[in-house]
């Protein structure tokens, strides 16, 4: 009787002896350099991040655009209360230009072009509402201070709410700040000290927003790298399991099932290299590893050809079984064929042709 318990013991031994360090290529993913200003990775990692960021942000972006449209529209109530004499002109900007644009932009997010140009196009839901507020200040310069706090909201919206990357959010927010400064001084002719005070507040808001946006994007990028590392480790784990266990057993083990299967009929084959201790003393470790890789790779091809299960390798010993985990009535016959094919494969190796490599095989049913 053959039990899966033997395979699980082999698995636990291999896991306990596995090296704790990660391969260099995977470490390089975790330490992938980001541009200190733009936070960009080098391609193709940047392209993968852009696609992942789009996929994770799309629903949030649509919600943010519609939320911005709603809030921009709600403030129209204050237009009536604060400057009723200019209500019509201001509502033309608010409800005739900005809100319809935001609604149209939310529909644009379903177009394939948005996928390719998400970040650049997301500047528009920032710049157009911001310029709209500045235009309202021009229409009613006497009450311009009523709309100035709205610019602060647009700046915060740009940095933290709509998923603009740091560079794009900084560009949009500073563009709004500069536009406000120019319009206030040279169009509305506002007192210089008032404009200077407002500039300081806007720049302070930009500083806080830039810091927040930088940390947010840095977090998203590190999370992306961690996700790649997790996938790599999962692939290693799957590869390790499939190297020692049949695919069906590995799947059950990953799902947390208790493996207690037993099989009343099966055939087991053991094979090793005759005189391995003597042979190994004549080779360097690198040469010995190369030899064992050639031998075991030849055995693996035979195992795959006949559909039997490789159980484990220990040193120069190779163990396989037939009739597990899927019972088959010809388990003894197929293992006999495997043994003959193993001899034939070894005979093709140069070491065997030189006369110093032989294998010993035992079969038990």
Protein backbone atom coordinates (compact mmCIF):
# COMPACT_ATOMS: atom_id res chain seq x y z
CA UNK A 1 0.00 0.00 0.00
CA UNK A 2 1.33 3.38 -0.97
CA UNK A 3 0.34 6.52 0.96
CA UNK A 4 0.50 10.23 0.00
CA UNK A 5 1.99 10.74 3.44
CA UNK A 6 5.42 9.97 1.97
CA UNK A 7 5.05 12.84 -0.48
CA UNK A 8 4.02 15.24 2.24
CA UNK A 9 7.05 14.26 4.30
CA UNK A 10 9.25 14.93 1.29
CA UNK A 11 7.56 18.30 0.78
CA UNK A 12 8.09 19.37 4.37
CA UNK A 13 11.75 18.39 4.16
CA UNK A 14 12.28 20.39 0.99
CA UNK A 15 10.52 23.46 2.36
CA UNK A 16 12.55 23.38 5.56
CA UNK A 17 15.80 23.21 3.60
CA UNK A 18 14.88 25.89 1.04
CA UNK A 19 17.13 28.98 1.11
CA UNK A 20 15.64 31.97 2.87
CA UNK A 21 17.00 34.57 0.42
CA UNK A 22 15.16 35.62 -2.73
CA UNK A 23 16.68 35.32 -6.19
CA UNK A 24 18.37 38.55 -7.37
CA UNK A 25 15.82 39.19 -10.11
CA UNK A 26 13.02 39.30 -7.55
CA UNK A 27 14.95 41.54 -5.19
CA UNK A 28 15.42 43.95 -8.07
CA UNK A 29 11.64 44.19 -8.39
CA UNK A 30 11.27 45.23 -4.77
CA UNK A 31 14.00 47.83 -5.15
CA UNK A 32 13.01 48.94 -8.67
CA UNK A 33 14.24 52.53 -8.98
CA UNK A 34 11.62 55.28 -9.11
CA UNK A 35 12.47 58.69 -10.51
CA UNK A 36 12.65 60.90 -7.39
CA UNK A 37 10.64 63.67 -9.08
CA UNK A 38 8.18 61.97 -11.44
CA UNK A 39 8.12 58.64 -9.54
CA UNK A 40 8.21 56.79 -12.86
CA UNK A 41 9.64 53.29 -13.20
CA UNK A 42 11.67 52.34 -16.23
CA UNK A 43 9.84 50.54 -19.02
CA UNK A 44 8.35 47.95 -19.28
CA UNK A 45 7.58 48.10 -15.55
CA UNK A 46 6.06 51.57 -15.95
CA UNK A 47 3.67 50.32 -18.65
CA UNK A 48 2.55 47.50 -16.38
CA UNK A 49 2.02 49.92 -13.51
CA UNK A 50 0.04 52.32 -15.72
CA UNK A 51 -2.27 49.52 -16.80
CA UNK A 52 -2.69 48.27 -13.23
CA UNK A 53 -3.31 51.81 -11.94
CA UNK A 54 -5.94 52.43 -14.61
CA UNK A 55 -7.74 49.21 -13.79
CA UNK A 56 -7.79 49.93 -10.04
CA UNK A 57 -8.69 53.63 -10.42
CA UNK A 58 -11.36 53.63 -13.13
CA UNK A 59 -14.41 53.21 -10.90
CA UNK A 60 -13.07 55.75 -8.42
CA UNK A 61 -12.36 58.28 -11.19
CA UNK A 62 -15.93 58.05 -12.47
CA UNK A 63 -17.26 58.57 -8.96
CA UNK A 64 -14.89 61.52 -8.40
CA UNK A 65 -15.93 63.27 -11.64
CA UNK A 66 -19.65 62.90 -10.90
CA UNK A 67 -19.08 64.01 -7.30
CA UNK A 68 -17.24 67.09 -8.57
CA UNK A 69 -20.13 67.90 -10.92
CA UNK A 70 -22.63 67.54 -8.07
CA UNK A 71 -20.66 69.77 -5.68
CA UNK A 72 -19.98 72.37 -8.37
CA UNK A 73 -23.71 72.51 -9.08
CA UNK A 74 -24.78 72.70 -5.43
CA UNK A 75 -22.77 75.87 -4.89
CA UNK A 76 -25.07 77.57 -7.40
CA UNK A 77 -27.49 78.06 -4.51
CA UNK A 78 -25.00 80.47 -2.95
CA UNK A 79 -24.79 82.48 -6.19
CA UNK A 80 -28.41 83.54 -5.69
CA UNK A 81 -27.84 84.52 -2.06
CA UNK A 82 -24.52 86.35 -2.48
CA UNK A 83 -24.63 88.07 -5.89
CA UNK A 84 -28.14 87.80 -7.34
CA UNK A 85 -27.42 90.61 -9.83
CA UNK A 86 -24.76 88.47 -11.57
CA UNK A 87 -26.54 85.15 -11.16
CA UNK A 88 -27.35 84.66 -14.85
CA UNK A 89 -23.77 85.14 -16.08
CA UNK A 90 -22.35 82.96 -13.31
CA UNK A 91 -24.93 80.23 -13.86
CA UNK A 92 -24.05 80.23 -17.54
CA UNK A 93 -20.52 79.24 -16.54
CA UNK A 94 -21.60 76.88 -13.77
CA UNK A 95 -24.54 75.10 -15.45
CA UNK A 96 -23.92 75.91 -19.10
CA UNK A 97 -20.24 75.02 -19.33
CA UNK A 98 -18.63 73.31 -16.34
CA UNK A 99 -21.35 70.88 -15.19
CA UNK A 100 -22.20 69.70 -18.75
CA UNK A 101 -18.50 69.23 -19.42
CA UNK A 102 -18.05 67.10 -16.30
CA UNK A 103 -21.05 65.00 -17.28
CA UNK A 104 -19.66 64.54 -20.78
CA UNK A 105 -16.25 63.67 -19.35
CA UNK A 106 -17.76 60.96 -17.16
CA UNK A 107 -19.14 59.40 -20.35
CA UNK A 108 -15.75 59.78 -22.04
CA UNK A 109 -14.23 57.49 -19.39
CA UNK A 110 -15.98 54.61 -21.17
CA UNK A 111 -14.16 55.35 -24.46
CA UNK A 112 -10.96 53.40 -25.34
CA UNK A 113 -9.06 56.69 -25.75
CA UNK A 114 -9.44 57.37 -22.04
CA UNK A 115 -7.54 54.17 -21.26
CA UNK A 116 -4.55 55.35 -23.30
CA UNK A 117 -4.58 58.97 -22.06
CA UNK A 118 -6.14 58.78 -18.60
CA UNK A 119 -3.70 61.04 -16.77
CA UNK A 120 -3.48 63.78 -19.40
CA UNK A 121 -7.25 63.86 -19.89
CA UNK A 122 -7.90 64.01 -16.13
CA UNK A 123 -6.28 67.44 -16.13
CA UNK A 124 -9.40 68.81 -17.85
CA UNK A 125 -11.84 68.16 -14.94
CA UNK A 126 -9.39 70.19 -12.83
CA UNK A 127 -8.50 73.06 -15.15
CA UNK A 128 -11.97 73.81 -16.52
CA UNK A 129 -13.75 74.08 -13.13
CA UNK A 130 -10.79 76.09 -11.79
CA UNK A 131 -10.84 78.50 -14.72
CA UNK A 132 -14.62 78.67 -14.34
CA UNK A 133 -14.25 79.93 -10.77
CA UNK A 134 -11.71 82.52 -11.86
CA UNK A 135 -14.11 83.66 -14.61
CA UNK A 136 -16.80 84.13 -11.94
CA UNK A 137 -14.39 86.40 -10.07
CA UNK A 138 -13.97 88.47 -13.23
CA UNK A 139 -17.75 88.78 -13.67
CA UNK A 140 -18.14 90.02 -10.11
CA UNK A 141 -14.75 91.32 -8.92
CA UNK A 142 -16.31 93.05 -5.93
CA UNK A 143 -17.35 89.66 -4.53
CA UNK A 144 -14.42 87.69 -5.88
CA UNK A 145 -13.34 86.65 -2.41
CA UNK A 146 -16.52 84.57 -2.16
CA UNK A 147 -15.18 82.28 -4.90
CA UNK A 148 -11.57 82.21 -3.81
CA UNK A 149 -12.11 79.32 -1.31
CA UNK A 150 -13.49 77.29 -4.22
CA UNK A 151 -10.01 77.31 -5.75
CA UNK A 152 -8.68 75.69 -2.59
CA UNK A 153 -11.26 72.92 -2.98
CA UNK A 154 -10.29 72.38 -6.62
CA UNK A 155 -6.62 72.14 -5.64
CA UNK A 156 -7.33 69.58 -2.92
CA UNK A 157 -9.57 67.70 -5.34
CA UNK A 158 -6.70 67.62 -7.83
CA UNK A 159 -4.10 66.28 -5.43
CA UNK A 160 -6.08 63.74 -3.44
CA UNK A 161 -9.46 62.80 -4.91
CA UNK A 162 -9.42 62.21 -8.65
CA UNK A 163 -6.40 59.86 -8.81
CA UNK A 164 -4.18 62.24 -10.76
CA UNK A 165 -0.54 61.30 -10.53
CA UNK A 166 1.77 63.65 -8.64
CA UNK A 167 3.25 65.37 -11.70
CA UNK A 168 -0.10 66.02 -13.40
CA UNK A 169 -1.80 67.18 -10.19
CA UNK A 170 1.08 69.58 -9.49
CA UNK A 171 0.91 71.02 -13.00
CA UNK A 172 -2.86 71.60 -12.84
CA UNK A 173 -2.86 73.13 -9.37
CA UNK A 174 0.06 75.47 -10.03
CA UNK A 175 -1.52 76.49 -13.35
CA UNK A 176 -4.71 77.48 -11.50
CA UNK A 177 -2.66 79.36 -8.89
CA UNK A 178 -0.73 81.33 -11.52
CA UNK A 179 -3.92 82.08 -13.49
CA UNK A 180 -5.58 83.41 -10.35
CA UNK A 181 -2.58 85.65 -9.63
CA UNK A 182 -2.49 87.09 -13.16
CA UNK A 183 -6.25 87.68 -13.39
CA UNK A 184 -6.46 89.22 -9.90
CA UNK A 185 -3.65 91.71 -10.54
CA UNK A 186 -4.05 92.62 -14.20
CA UNK A 187 -7.75 92.04 -14.89
CA UNK A 188 -9.54 92.67 -11.59
CA UNK A 189 -6.86 95.10 -10.32
CA UNK A 190 -7.21 93.72 -6.80
CA UNK A 191 -5.03 95.23 -4.05
CA UNK A 192 -1.55 93.77 -4.19
CA UNK A 193 -1.46 92.81 -0.51
CA UNK A 194 -4.79 90.97 -0.82
CA UNK A 195 -3.52 89.03 -3.83
CA UNK A 196 -0.22 88.34 -2.07
CA UNK A 197 -2.05 86.99 0.98
CA UNK A 198 -4.21 84.76 -1.21
CA UNK A 199 -1.15 83.61 -3.13
CA UNK A 200 0.51 82.52 0.10
CA UNK A 201 -2.57 80.52 1.07
CA UNK A 202 -2.80 78.91 -2.37
CA UNK A 203 0.89 78.05 -2.35
CA UNK A 204 0.55 76.57 1.14
CA UNK A 205 -2.37 74.46 -0.12
CA UNK A 206 -0.21 73.38 -3.06
CA UNK A 207 2.65 72.43 -0.76
CA UNK A 208 0.41 70.28 1.43
CA UNK A 209 -1.29 68.80 -1.61
CA UNK A 210 2.00 68.02 -3.36
CA UNK A 211 3.28 66.24 -0.28
CA UNK A 212 0.06 64.21 0.01
CA UNK A 213 -0.04 63.34 -3.71
CA UNK A 214 3.62 62.30 -3.68
CA UNK A 215 3.10 59.94 -0.76
CA UNK A 216 -0.12 58.55 -2.24
CA UNK A 217 1.49 57.73 -5.58
CA UNK A 218 4.55 56.32 -3.86
CA UNK A 219 2.23 54.06 -1.87
CA UNK A 220 0.41 52.90 -5.01
CA UNK A 221 3.71 52.10 -6.71
CA UNK A 222 5.10 50.18 -3.74
CA UNK A 223 1.83 48.29 -3.49
CA UNK A 224 2.20 47.39 -7.17
CA UNK A 225 5.73 46.07 -6.58
CA UNK A 226 4.52 44.05 -3.60
CA UNK A 227 1.78 42.57 -5.79
CA UNK A 228 4.35 41.50 -8.39
CA UNK A 229 6.51 39.99 -5.66
CA UNK A 230 3.52 38.12 -4.25
CA UNK A 231 2.73 36.69 -7.68
CA UNK A 232 6.36 35.63 -8.11
CA UNK A 233 6.39 33.91 -4.72
CA UNK A 234 3.07 32.23 -5.50
CA UNK A 235 4.47 30.98 -8.81
CA UNK A 236 7.52 29.63 -6.97
CA UNK A 237 5.27 27.89 -4.47
CA UNK A 238 3.13 26.37 -7.22
CA UNK A 239 6.23 25.25 -9.11
CA UNK A 240 7.64 23.70 -5.95
CA UNK A 241 4.42 21.83 -5.22
CA UNK A 242 4.09 20.56 -8.77
CA UNK A 243 7.69 19.35 -8.69
CA UNK A 244 6.96 17.06 -5.77
CA UNK A 245 3.23 16.38 -5.86
CA UNK A 246 0.73 15.46 -8.56
CA UNK A 247 -1.28 18.44 -9.80
CA UNK A 248 -4.54 17.14 -8.31
CA UNK A 249 -2.96 16.64 -4.88
CA UNK A 250 -1.22 20.02 -5.00
CA UNK A 251 -4.54 21.73 -5.77
CA UNK A 252 -6.21 20.05 -2.81
CA UNK A 253 -3.29 20.89 -0.54
CA UNK A 254 -3.46 24.61 -1.48
CA UNK A 255 -7.18 24.61 -0.72
CA UNK A 256 -6.43 23.41 2.80
CA UNK A 257 -7.79 19.88 2.45
CA UNK A 258 -6.44 17.15 4.72
CA UNK A 259 -4.64 14.63 2.49
CA UNK A 260 -5.15 11.10 3.86
CA UNK A 261 -5.59 9.16 0.63
CA UNK A 262 -4.28 5.62 0.36
CA UNK A 263 -4.14 3.23 -2.56
CA UNK A 264 -4.42 -0.56 -2.23
CA UNK A 265 -2.58 -1.17 -5.50
CA UNK A 266 0.41 0.72 -6.86
CA UNK A 267 3.91 0.15 -8.11
CA UNK A 268 6.92 2.10 -6.89
CA UNK A 269 10.27 2.47 -8.65
CA UNK A 270 13.55 3.49 -7.06
CA UNK A 271 16.68 4.16 -9.07
CA UNK A 272 20.07 5.59 -8.24
CA UNK A 273 23.56 5.91 -9.68
CA UNK A 274 25.86 2.98 -9.03
CA UNK A 275 29.00 4.05 -7.15
CA UNK A 276 27.74 7.60 -6.70
CA UNK A 277 30.00 8.32 -3.70
CA UNK A 278 33.10 7.31 -5.67
CA UNK A 279 31.97 9.27 -8.73
CA UNK A 280 31.13 12.43 -6.77
CA UNK A 281 34.60 12.58 -5.24
CA UNK A 282 36.08 13.08 -8.71
CA UNK A 283 33.98 16.12 -9.67
CA UNK A 284 33.66 19.70 -8.55
CA UNK A 285 30.26 20.65 -7.07
CA UNK A 286 29.35 22.51 -10.27
CA UNK A 287 30.20 19.52 -12.45
CA UNK A 288 28.26 17.19 -10.17
CA UNK A 289 25.17 19.40 -10.29
CA UNK A 290 25.39 19.48 -14.09
CA UNK A 291 25.60 15.68 -14.22
CA UNK A 292 22.63 15.19 -11.89
CA UNK A 293 20.60 17.70 -13.87
CA UNK A 294 21.24 15.73 -17.06
CA UNK A 295 20.29 12.44 -15.40
CA UNK A 296 17.16 13.68 -13.66
CA UNK A 297 16.02 15.64 -16.72
CA UNK A 298 16.23 12.41 -18.71
CA UNK A 299 14.17 10.65 -16.05
CA UNK A 300 11.61 13.47 -16.04
CA UNK A 301 11.09 13.06 -19.78
CA UNK A 302 10.35 9.37 -19.30
CA UNK A 303 7.95 10.10 -16.43
CA UNK A 304 6.05 12.61 -18.53
CA UNK A 305 5.95 10.26 -21.52
CA UNK A 306 4.32 7.42 -19.55
CA UNK A 307 2.07 9.52 -17.31
CA UNK A 308 3.42 8.22 -14.00
CA UNK A 309 4.07 10.32 -10.90
CA UNK A 310 7.47 11.54 -9.80
CA UNK A 311 7.53 11.37 -6.02
CA UNK A 312 10.88 12.77 -4.91
CA UNK A 313 14.63 12.89 -5.41
CA UNK A 314 17.12 12.49 -2.58
CA UNK A 315 20.77 12.81 -3.47
CA UNK A 316 21.23 10.55 -6.48
CA UNK A 317 18.03 8.57 -5.79
CA UNK A 318 14.91 9.05 -7.90
CA UNK A 319 11.51 7.72 -6.85
CA UNK A 320 8.32 7.43 -8.90
CA UNK A 321 5.02 5.58 -8.68
CA UNK A 322 2.18 4.43 -10.91
CA UNK A 323 -1.42 3.93 -9.82
CA UNK A 324 -1.39 7.07 -7.67
CA UNK A 325 -3.09 9.47 -7.30
CA UNK A 326 -5.23 8.14 -10.17
CA UNK A 327 -5.65 4.35 -9.94
CA UNK A 328 -4.72 2.36 -13.04
CA UNK A 329 -4.78 -1.40 -13.57
CA UNK A 330 -1.54 -1.51 -15.59
CA UNK A 331 0.61 0.15 -12.94
CA UNK A 332 3.13 -2.71 -12.84
CA UNK A 333 3.47 -2.94 -16.62
CA UNK A 334 3.92 0.79 -17.12
CA UNK A 335 6.60 1.00 -14.41
CA UNK A 336 8.48 -1.84 -16.11
CA UNK A 337 8.37 0.14 -19.35
CA UNK A 338 9.58 3.22 -17.48
CA UNK A 339 12.55 1.28 -16.09
CA UNK A 340 13.56 0.13 -19.56
CA UNK A 341 13.19 3.64 -21.01
CA UNK A 342 15.29 5.05 -18.18
CA UNK A 343 18.08 2.67 -19.09
CA UNK A 344 17.75 3.72 -22.73
CA UNK A 345 17.88 7.44 -21.84
CA UNK A 346 20.97 6.98 -19.67
CA UNK A 347 22.67 5.08 -22.48
CA UNK A 348 22.43 8.23 -24.62
CA UNK A 349 24.43 10.32 -22.15
CA UNK A 350 28.13 10.80 -22.81
CA UNK A 351 29.01 9.67 -19.29
CA UNK A 352 27.30 6.34 -19.92
CA UNK A 353 28.99 5.93 -23.28
CA UNK A 354 32.34 6.50 -21.57
CA UNK A 355 31.54 3.53 -19.35
CA UNK A 356 31.53 5.08 -15.87
CA UNK A 357 27.83 5.95 -15.42
CA UNK A 358 25.39 3.15 -14.59
CA UNK A 359 22.05 3.15 -12.77
CA UNK A 360 20.47 0.60 -10.45
CA UNK A 361 16.70 0.19 -10.45
CA UNK A 362 14.31 -1.51 -8.06
CA UNK A 363 10.57 -2.01 -8.54
CA UNK A 364 7.98 -3.01 -5.96
CA UNK A 365 4.21 -3.52 -6.30
